[in-house]
Amino acid sequence: MPVYTYRCENCGVQFERQQSFTDEPLKICPECRKKSLKKVISPVRVVFKGSGFYATDHKSPSGDTPKPAKKAEKKESKTAESKSSDKSE
């Protein structure tokens, strides 16, 4: 269950209350009994654990990307072999 922070706009008291998502927000201040409570919106704390997904997920073991030059070299060597066999005939 989430914890919500409320602040009274009349007397300035601030407190936290654990409520369900389906509960109605509080409206009456427990101190001054006036209908002036507002939810306080605060930044969410984010905790990153580990070394990070970008550095470890789907990465090649050497850290390098595969080089497409090897495929080109194989094609060149095959065409060179076929040309040399054509000349010998």
PDB file of N, CA and C in Angstrom:
ATOM      1  N   MET A   1       0.843  -1.181   0.000  1.00  0.00           N
ATOM      2  CA  MET A   1       0.000   0.000   0.000  1.00  0.00           C
ATOM      3  C   MET A   1       0.886   1.241   0.000  1.00  0.00           C
ATOM      4  N   PRO A   2       0.549   2.200  -0.843  1.00  0.00           N
ATOM      5  CA  PRO A   2       1.369   3.414  -0.914  1.00  0.00           C
ATOM      6  C   PRO A   2       1.173   4.346   0.271  1.00  0.00           C
ATOM      7  N   VAL A   3       2.167   5.172   0.503  1.00  0.00           N
ATOM      8  CA  VAL A   3       2.121   6.174   1.560  1.00  0.00           C
ATOM      9  C   VAL A   3       1.971   7.538   0.890  1.00  0.00           C
ATOM     10  N   TYR A   4       0.946   8.283   1.267  1.00  0.00           N
ATOM     11  CA  TYR A   4       0.691   9.604   0.712  1.00  0.00           C
ATOM     12  C   TYR A   4       1.014  10.676   1.751  1.00  0.00           C
ATOM     13  N   THR A   5       1.530  11.792   1.279  1.00  0.00           N
ATOM     14  CA  THR A   5       1.819  12.926   2.139  1.00  0.00           C
ATOM     15  C   THR A   5       0.740  13.980   1.923  1.00  0.00           C
ATOM     16  N   TYR A   6       0.203  14.487   3.020  1.00  0.00           N
ATOM     17  CA  TYR A   6      -0.828  15.531   2.976  1.00  0.00           C
ATOM     18  C   TYR A   6      -0.321  16.768   3.693  1.00  0.00           C
ATOM     19  N   ARG A   7      -0.782  17.947   3.227  1.00  0.00           N
ATOM     20  CA  ARG A   7      -0.459  19.211   3.895  1.00  0.00           C
ATOM     21  C   ARG A   7      -1.739  20.038   3.987  1.00  0.00           C
ATOM     22  N   CYS A   8      -1.961  20.622   5.161  1.00  0.00           N
ATOM     23  CA  CYS A   8      -3.118  21.490   5.379  1.00  0.00           C
ATOM     24  C   CYS A   8      -2.760  22.891   4.905  1.00  0.00           C
ATOM     25  N   GLU A   9      -3.591  23.448   4.034  1.00  0.00           N
ATOM     26  CA  GLU A   9      -3.341  24.802   3.542  1.00  0.00           C
ATOM     27  C   GLU A   9      -3.716  25.859   4.578  1.00  0.00           C
ATOM     28  N   ASN A  10      -4.489  25.474   5.602  1.00  0.00           N
ATOM     29  CA  ASN A  10      -4.916  26.410   6.636  1.00  0.00           C
ATOM     30  C   ASN A  10      -3.876  26.539   7.750  1.00  0.00           C
ATOM     31  N   CYS A  11      -3.527  25.412   8.383  1.00  0.00           N
ATOM     32  CA  CYS A  11      -2.610  25.464   9.535  1.00  0.00           C
ATOM     33  C   CYS A  11      -1.183  25.040   9.193  1.00  0.00           C
ATOM     34  N   GLY A  12      -0.945  24.449   8.023  1.00  0.00           N
ATOM     35  CA  GLY A  12       0.404  24.088   7.585  1.00  0.00           C
ATOM     36  C   GLY A  12       0.917  22.753   8.074  1.00  0.00           C
ATOM     37  N   VAL A  13       0.094  22.000   8.823  1.00  0.00           N
ATOM     38  CA  VAL A  13       0.546  20.690   9.310  1.00  0.00           C
ATOM     39  C   VAL A  13       0.734  19.756   8.108  1.00  0.00           C
ATOM     40  N   GLN A  14       1.775  18.929   8.190  1.00  0.00           N
ATOM     41  CA  GLN A  14       2.056  17.964   7.128  1.00  0.00           C
ATOM     42  C   GLN A  14       2.225  16.597   7.766  1.00  0.00           C
ATOM     43  N   PHE A  15       1.627  15.583   7.151  1.00  0.00           N
ATOM     44  CA  PHE A  15       1.702  14.217   7.693  1.00  0.00           C
ATOM     45  C   PHE A  15       1.591  13.211   6.562  1.00  0.00           C
ATOM     46  N   GLU A  16       1.924  11.966   6.882  1.00  0.00           N
ATOM     47  CA  GLU A  16       1.845  10.873   5.914  1.00  0.00           C
ATOM     48  C   GLU A  16       0.770   9.899   6.349  1.00  0.00           C
ATOM     49  N   ARG A  17       0.120   9.291   5.372  1.00  0.00           N
ATOM     50  CA  ARG A  17      -0.921   8.311   5.663  1.00  0.00           C
ATOM     51  C   ARG A  17      -0.824   7.172   4.658  1.00  0.00           C
ATOM     52  N   GLN A  18      -0.844   5.943   5.147  1.00  0.00           N
ATOM     53  CA  GLN A  18      -0.833   4.772   4.289  1.00  0.00           C
ATOM     54  C   GLN A  18      -2.261   4.476   3.866  1.00  0.00           C
ATOM     55  N   GLN A  19      -2.498   4.481   2.549  1.00  0.00           N
ATOM     56  CA  GLN A  19      -3.834   4.260   2.028  1.00  0.00           C
ATOM     57  C   GLN A  19      -3.775   3.341   0.818  1.00  0.00           C
ATOM     58  N   SER A  20      -4.884   2.702   0.547  1.00  0.00           N
ATOM     59  CA  SER A  20      -5.018   1.868  -0.642  1.00  0.00           C
ATOM     60  C   SER A  20      -5.223   2.771  -1.860  1.00  0.00           C
ATOM     61  N   PHE A  21      -5.001   2.239  -3.040  1.00  0.00           N
ATOM     62  CA  PHE A  21      -5.233   2.997  -4.264  1.00  0.00           C
ATOM     63  C   PHE A  21      -6.702   3.370  -4.419  1.00  0.00           C
ATOM     64  N   THR A  22      -7.569   2.549  -3.891  1.00  0.00           N
ATOM     65  CA  THR A  22      -9.006   2.773  -4.058  1.00  0.00           C
ATOM     66  C   THR A  22      -9.599   3.695  -3.002  1.00  0.00           C
ATOM     67  N   ASP A  23      -8.852   4.012  -1.936  1.00  0.00           N
ATOM     68  CA  ASP A  23      -9.358   4.911  -0.890  1.00  0.00           C
ATOM     69  C   ASP A  23      -9.500   6.334  -1.422  1.00  0.00           C
ATOM     70  N   GLU A  24     -10.505   7.035  -0.940  1.00  0.00           N
ATOM     71  CA  GLU A  24     -10.693   8.441  -1.291  1.00  0.00           C
ATOM     72  C   GLU A  24      -9.629   9.269  -0.587  1.00  0.00           C
ATOM     73  N   PRO A  25      -9.137  10.339  -1.238  1.00  0.00           N
ATOM     74  CA  PRO A  25      -8.144  11.184  -0.574  1.00  0.00           C
ATOM     75  C   PRO A  25      -8.741  11.890   0.648  1.00  0.00           C
ATOM     76  N   LEU A  26      -7.905  12.117   1.653  1.00  0.00           N
ATOM     77  CA  LEU A  26      -8.353  12.812   2.853  1.00  0.00           C
ATOM     78  C   LEU A  26      -8.613  14.282   2.526  1.00  0.00           C
ATOM     79  N   LYS A  27      -9.594  14.868   3.196  1.00  0.00           N
ATOM     80  CA  LYS A  27      -9.939  16.270   2.948  1.00  0.00           C
ATOM     81  C   LYS A  27      -9.964  17.110   4.221  1.00  0.00           C
ATOM     82  N   ILE A  28     -10.205  16.478   5.362  1.00  0.00           N
ATOM     83  CA  ILE A  28     -10.328  17.214   6.625  1.00  0.00           C
ATOM     84  C   ILE A  28      -9.039  17.075   7.425  1.00  0.00           C
ATOM     85  N   CYS A  29      -8.493  18.221   7.842  1.00  0.00           N
ATOM     86  CA  CYS A  29      -7.244  18.252   8.609  1.00  0.00           C
ATOM     87  C   CYS A  29      -7.481  17.699  10.012  1.00  0.00           C
ATOM     88  N   PRO A  30      -6.607  16.791  10.500  1.00  0.00           N
ATOM     89  CA  PRO A  30      -6.768  16.260  11.855  1.00  0.00           C
ATOM     90  C   PRO A  30      -6.439  17.285  12.946  1.00  0.00           C
ATOM     91  N   GLU A  31      -5.725  18.360  12.617  1.00  0.00           N
ATOM     92  CA  GLU A  31      -5.349  19.381  13.604  1.00  0.00           C
ATOM     93  C   GLU A  31      -6.416  20.476  13.741  1.00  0.00           C
ATOM     94  N   CYS A  32      -6.726  21.147  12.632  1.00  0.00           N
ATOM     95  CA  CYS A  32      -7.629  22.293  12.707  1.00  0.00           C
ATOM     96  C   CYS A  32      -9.074  21.942  12.298  1.00  0.00           C
ATOM     97  N   ARG A  33      -9.282  20.735  11.828  1.00  0.00           N
ATOM     98  CA  ARG A  33     -10.605  20.220  11.445  1.00  0.00           C
ATOM     99  C   ARG A  33     -11.261  21.003  10.289  1.00  0.00           C
ATOM    100  N   LYS A  34     -10.443  21.648   9.468  1.00  0.00           N
ATOM    101  CA  LYS A  34     -10.982  22.354   8.312  1.00  0.00           C
ATOM    102  C   LYS A  34     -10.771  21.509   7.063  1.00  0.00           C
ATOM    103  N   LYS A  35     -11.583  21.757   6.075  1.00  0.00           N
ATOM    104  CA  LYS A  35     -11.526  20.990   4.831  1.00  0.00           C
ATOM    105  C   LYS A  35     -10.516  21.655   3.877  1.00  0.00           C
ATOM    106  N   SER A  36      -9.238  21.539   4.224  1.00  0.00           N
ATOM    107  CA  SER A  36      -8.203  22.219   3.439  1.00  0.00           C
ATOM    108  C   SER A  36      -6.960  21.356   3.221  1.00  0.00           C
ATOM    109  N   LEU A  37      -7.115  20.027   3.200  1.00  0.00           N
ATOM    110  CA  LEU A  37      -5.976  19.138   2.961  1.00  0.00           C
ATOM    111  C   LEU A  37      -5.723  18.984   1.464  1.00  0.00           C
ATOM    112  N   LYS A  38      -4.467  18.940   1.105  1.00  0.00           N
ATOM    113  CA  LYS A  38      -4.037  18.688  -0.271  1.00  0.00           C
ATOM    114  C   LYS A  38      -2.938  17.640  -0.241  1.00  0.00           C
ATOM    115  N   LYS A  39      -2.927  16.772  -1.267  1.00  0.00           N
ATOM    116  CA  LYS A  39      -1.833  15.814  -1.393  1.00  0.00           C
ATOM    117  C   LYS A  39      -0.584  16.553  -1.844  1.00  0.00           C
ATOM    118  N   VAL A  40       0.534  16.172  -1.255  1.00  0.00           N
ATOM    119  CA  VAL A  40       1.814  16.753  -1.627  1.00  0.00           C
ATOM    120  C   VAL A  40       2.440  15.842  -2.678  1.00  0.00           C
ATOM    121  N   ILE A  41       2.761  16.424  -3.807  1.00  0.00           N
ATOM    122  CA  ILE A  41       3.418  15.668  -4.870  1.00  0.00           C
ATOM    123  C   ILE A  41       4.923  15.824  -4.678  1.00  0.00           C
ATOM    124  N   SER A  42       5.596  14.713  -4.487  1.00  0.00           N
ATOM    125  CA  SER A  42       7.042  14.763  -4.268  1.00  0.00           C
ATOM    126  C   SER A  42       7.729  13.912  -5.325  1.00  0.00           C
ATOM    127  N   PRO A  43       8.981  14.207  -5.627  1.00  0.00           N
ATOM    128  CA  PRO A  43       9.699  13.412  -6.628  1.00  0.00           C
ATOM    129  C   PRO A  43       9.894  11.975  -6.149  1.00  0.00           C
ATOM    130  N   VAL A  44       9.840  11.066  -7.085  1.00  0.00           N
ATOM    131  CA  VAL A  44      10.007   9.648  -6.781  1.00  0.00           C
ATOM    132  C   VAL A  44      11.490   9.328  -6.741  1.00  0.00           C
ATOM    133  N   ARG A  45      11.890   8.595  -5.741  1.00  0.00           N
ATOM    134  CA  ARG A  45      13.282   8.182  -5.638  1.00  0.00           C
ATOM    135  C   ARG A  45      13.497   6.959  -6.510  1.00  0.00           C
ATOM    136  N   VAL A  46      14.518   7.015  -7.357  1.00  0.00           N
ATOM    137  CA  VAL A  46      14.853   5.900  -8.232  1.00  0.00           C
ATOM    138  C   VAL A  46      16.205   5.359  -7.792  1.00  0.00           C
ATOM    139  N   VAL A  47      16.266   4.054  -7.621  1.00  0.00           N
ATOM    140  CA  VAL A  47      17.505   3.411  -7.208  1.00  0.00           C
ATOM    141  C   VAL A  47      17.947   2.486  -8.326  1.00  0.00           C
ATOM    142  N   PHE A  48      19.129   2.747  -8.893  1.00  0.00           N
ATOM    143  CA  PHE A  48      19.682   1.887  -9.926  1.00  0.00           C
ATOM    144  C   PHE A  48      20.626   0.907  -9.252  1.00  0.00           C
ATOM    145  N   LYS A  49      20.406  -0.368  -9.498  1.00  0.00           N
ATOM    146  CA  LYS A  49      21.262  -1.391  -8.918  1.00  0.00           C
ATOM    147  C   LYS A  49      21.989  -2.119 -10.035  1.00  0.00           C
ATOM    148  N   GLY A  50      23.188  -2.508  -9.782  1.00  0.00           N
ATOM    149  CA  GLY A  50      23.955  -3.239 -10.772  1.00  0.00           C
ATOM    150  C   GLY A  50      24.754  -2.309 -11.660  1.00  0.00           C
ATOM    151  N   SER A  51      25.348  -2.892 -12.684  1.00  0.00           N
ATOM    152  CA  SER A  51      26.222  -2.116 -13.559  1.00  0.00           C
ATOM    153  C   SER A  51      25.465  -1.454 -14.696  1.00  0.00           C
ATOM    154  N   GLY A  52      24.200  -1.776 -14.882  1.00  0.00           N
ATOM    155  CA  GLY A  52      23.410  -1.126 -15.921  1.00  0.00           C
ATOM    156  C   GLY A  52      23.126  -2.053 -17.082  1.00  0.00           C
ATOM    157  N   PHE A  53      21.923  -1.992 -17.582  1.00  0.00           N
ATOM    158  CA  PHE A  53      21.525  -2.906 -18.646  1.00  0.00           C
ATOM    159  C   PHE A  53      22.226  -2.588 -19.959  1.00  0.00           C
ATOM    160  N   TYR A  54      22.544  -1.335 -20.186  1.00  0.00           N
ATOM    161  CA  TYR A  54      23.124  -0.956 -21.461  1.00  0.00           C
ATOM    162  C   TYR A  54      24.544  -1.494 -21.628  1.00  0.00           C
ATOM    163  N   ALA A  55      25.213  -1.752 -20.536  1.00  0.00           N
ATOM    164  CA  ALA A  55      26.596  -2.205 -20.615  1.00  0.00           C
ATOM    165  C   ALA A  55      26.714  -3.722 -20.608  1.00  0.00           C
ATOM    166  N   THR A  56      25.684  -4.429 -20.217  1.00  0.00           N
ATOM    167  CA  THR A  56      25.818  -5.875 -20.063  1.00  0.00           C
ATOM    168  C   THR A  56      24.852  -6.694 -20.915  1.00  0.00           C
ATOM    169  N   ASP A  57      23.742  -6.137 -21.338  1.00  0.00           N
ATOM    170  CA  ASP A  57      22.763  -6.922 -22.078  1.00  0.00           C
ATOM    171  C   ASP A  57      23.083  -6.953 -23.569  1.00  0.00           C
ATOM    172  N   HIS A  58      23.007  -8.120 -24.137  1.00  0.00           N
ATOM    173  CA  HIS A  58      23.149  -8.335 -25.575  1.00  0.00           C
ATOM    174  C   HIS A  58      24.449  -7.742 -26.119  1.00  0.00           C
ATOM    175  N   LYS A  59      25.493  -7.935 -25.417  1.00  0.00           N
ATOM    176  CA  LYS A  59      26.783  -7.400 -25.836  1.00  0.00           C
ATOM    177  C   LYS A  59      27.684  -8.560 -26.233  1.00  0.00           C
ATOM    178  N   SER A  60      28.471  -8.389 -27.288  1.00  0.00           N
ATOM    179  CA  SER A  60      29.371  -9.458 -27.698  1.00  0.00           C
ATOM    180  C   SER A  60      30.461  -9.630 -26.639  1.00  0.00           C
ATOM    181  N   PRO A  61      31.028 -10.836 -26.516  1.00  0.00           N
ATOM    182  CA  PRO A  61      32.008 -11.092 -25.459  1.00  0.00           C
ATOM    183  C   PRO A  61      33.226 -10.168 -25.523  1.00  0.00           C
ATOM    184  N   SER A  62      33.677  -9.835 -26.703  1.00  0.00           N
ATOM    185  CA  SER A  62      34.866  -8.987 -26.799  1.00  0.00           C
ATOM    186  C   SER A  62      34.528  -7.518 -26.669  1.00  0.00           C
ATOM    187  N   GLY A  63      33.237  -7.177 -26.756  1.00  0.00           N
ATOM    188  CA  GLY A  63      32.840  -5.786 -26.668  1.00  0.00           C
ATOM    189  C   GLY A  63      32.816  -5.102 -28.019  1.00  0.00           C
ATOM    190  N   ASP A  64      33.284  -5.797 -29.050  1.00  0.00           N
ATOM    191  CA  ASP A  64      33.295  -5.229 -30.400  1.00  0.00           C
ATOM    192  C   ASP A  64      32.094  -5.742 -31.181  1.00  0.00           C
ATOM    193  N   THR A  65      31.711  -4.986 -32.159  1.00  0.00           N
ATOM    194  CA  THR A  65      30.646  -5.442 -33.047  1.00  0.00           C
ATOM    195  C   THR A  65      31.269  -6.308 -34.129  1.00  0.00           C
ATOM    196  N   PRO A  66      30.532  -7.273 -34.655  1.00  0.00           N
ATOM    197  CA  PRO A  66      31.086  -8.131 -35.711  1.00  0.00           C
ATOM    198  C   PRO A  66      31.444  -7.293 -36.941  1.00  0.00           C
ATOM    199  N   LYS A  67      32.533  -7.651 -37.588  1.00  0.00           N
ATOM    200  CA  LYS A  67      33.003  -6.901 -38.740  1.00  0.00           C
ATOM    201  C   LYS A  67      32.504  -7.556 -40.026  1.00  0.00           C
ATOM    202  N   PRO A  68      31.796  -6.824 -40.876  1.00  0.00           N
ATOM    203  CA  PRO A  68      31.294  -7.406 -42.114  1.00  0.00           C
ATOM    204  C   PRO A  68      32.381  -7.565 -43.167  1.00  0.00           C
ATOM    205  N   ALA A  69      33.586  -7.090 -42.932  1.00  0.00           N
ATOM    206  CA  ALA A  69      34.676  -7.160 -43.905  1.00  0.00           C
ATOM    207  C   ALA A  69      35.069  -8.599 -44.200  1.00  0.00           C
ATOM    208  N   LYS A  70      34.909  -9.508 -43.265  1.00  0.00           N
ATOM    209  CA  LYS A  70      35.291 -10.908 -43.485  1.00  0.00           C
ATOM    210  C   LYS A  70      34.469 -11.535 -44.602  1.00  0.00           C
ATOM    211  N   LYS A  71      33.193 -11.210 -44.673  1.00  0.00           N
ATOM    212  CA  LYS A  71      32.344 -11.744 -45.727  1.00  0.00           C
ATOM    213  C   LYS A  71      32.804 -11.228 -47.085  1.00  0.00           C
ATOM    214  N   ALA A  72      33.167  -9.961 -47.140  1.00  0.00           N
ATOM    215  CA  ALA A  72      33.623  -9.367 -48.394  1.00  0.00           C
ATOM    216  C   ALA A  72      34.928 -10.010 -48.841  1.00  0.00           C
ATOM    217  N   GLU A  73      35.822 -10.315 -47.889  1.00  0.00           N
ATOM    218  CA  GLU A  73      37.079 -10.957 -48.226  1.00  0.00           C
ATOM    219  C   GLU A  73      36.846 -12.336 -48.813  1.00  0.00           C
ATOM    220  N   LYS A  74      35.903 -13.097 -48.283  1.00  0.00           N
ATOM    221  CA  LYS A  74      35.604 -14.434 -48.792  1.00  0.00           C
ATOM    222  C   LYS A  74      35.080 -14.355 -50.214  1.00  0.00           C
ATOM    223  N   LYS A  75      34.208 -13.393 -50.488  1.00  0.00           N
ATOM    224  CA  LYS A  75      33.662 -13.237 -51.831  1.00  0.00           C
ATOM    225  C   LYS A  75      34.761 -12.878 -52.817  1.00  0.00           C
ATOM    226  N   GLU A  76      35.666 -11.980 -52.388  1.00  0.00           N
ATOM    227  CA  GLU A  76      36.761 -11.577 -53.257  1.00  0.00           C
ATOM    228  C   GLU A  76      37.679 -12.744 -53.564  1.00  0.00           C
ATOM    229  N   SER A  77      37.961 -13.567 -52.559  1.00  0.00           N
ATOM    230  CA  SER A  77      38.854 -14.699 -52.783  1.00  0.00           C
ATOM    231  C   SER A  77      38.208 -15.734 -53.694  1.00  0.00           C
ATOM    232  N   LYS A  78      36.891 -15.915 -53.600  1.00  0.00           N
ATOM    233  CA  LYS A  78      36.202 -16.853 -54.490  1.00  0.00           C
ATOM    234  C   LYS A  78      36.224 -16.351 -55.923  1.00  0.00           C
ATOM    235  N   THR A  79      35.998 -15.069 -56.120  1.00  0.00           N
ATOM    236  CA  THR A  79      36.015 -14.531 -57.480  1.00  0.00           C
ATOM    237  C   THR A  79      37.429 -14.566 -58.042  1.00  0.00           C
ATOM    238  N   ALA A  80      38.428 -14.344 -57.219  1.00  0.00           N
ATOM    239  CA  ALA A  80      39.817 -14.410 -57.668  1.00  0.00           C
ATOM    240  C   ALA A  80      40.167 -15.833 -58.068  1.00  0.00           C
ATOM    241  N   GLU A  81      39.690 -16.831 -57.308  1.00  0.00           N
ATOM    242  CA  GLU A  81      39.948 -18.233 -57.632  1.00  0.00           C
ATOM    243  C   GLU A  81      39.277 -18.619 -58.934  1.00  0.00           C
ATOM    244  N   SER A  82      38.043 -18.166 -59.136  1.00  0.00           N
ATOM    245  CA  SER A  82      37.329 -18.522 -60.360  1.00  0.00           C
ATOM    246  C   SER A  82      37.978 -17.859 -61.569  1.00  0.00           C
ATOM    247  N   LYS A  83      38.499 -16.626 -61.412  1.00  0.00           N
ATOM    248  CA  LYS A  83      39.173 -15.940 -62.498  1.00  0.00           C
ATOM    249  C   LYS A  83      40.480 -16.664 -62.847  1.00  0.00           C
ATOM    250  N   SER A  84      41.214 -17.111 -61.829  1.00  0.00           N
ATOM    251  CA  SER A  84      42.475 -17.804 -62.080  1.00  0.00           C
ATOM    252  C   SER A  84      42.229 -19.164 -62.718  1.00  0.00           C
ATOM    253  N   SER A  85      41.123 -19.824 -62.369  1.00  0.00           N
ATOM    254  CA  SER A  85      40.825 -21.113 -62.997  1.00  0.00           C
ATOM    255  C   SER A  85      40.360 -20.905 -64.432  1.00  0.00           C
ATOM    256  N   ASP A  86      39.708 -19.772 -64.712  1.00  0.00           N
ATOM    257  CA  ASP A  86      39.287 -19.464 -66.086  1.00  0.00           C
ATOM    258  C   ASP A  86      40.508 -19.235 -66.970  1.00  0.00           C
ATOM    259  N   LYS A  87      41.525 -18.593 -66.433  1.00  0.00           N
ATOM    260  CA  LYS A  87      42.735 -18.284 -67.204  1.00  0.00           C
ATOM    261  C   LYS A  87      43.507 -19.558 -67.511  1.00  0.00           C
ATOM    262  N   SER A  88      43.488 -20.527 -66.611  1.00  0.00           N
ATOM    263  CA  SER A  88      44.270 -21.749 -66.806  1.00  0.00           C
ATOM    264  C   SER A  88      43.644 -22.650 -67.850  1.00  0.00           C
ATOM    265  N   GLU A  89      42.390 -22.490 -68.138  1.00  0.00           N
ATOM    266  CA  GLU A  89      41.727 -23.354 -69.118  1.00  0.00           C
ATOM    267  C   GLU A  89      41.994 -22.978 -70.477  1.00  0.00           C
TER     268      GLU A  89
END
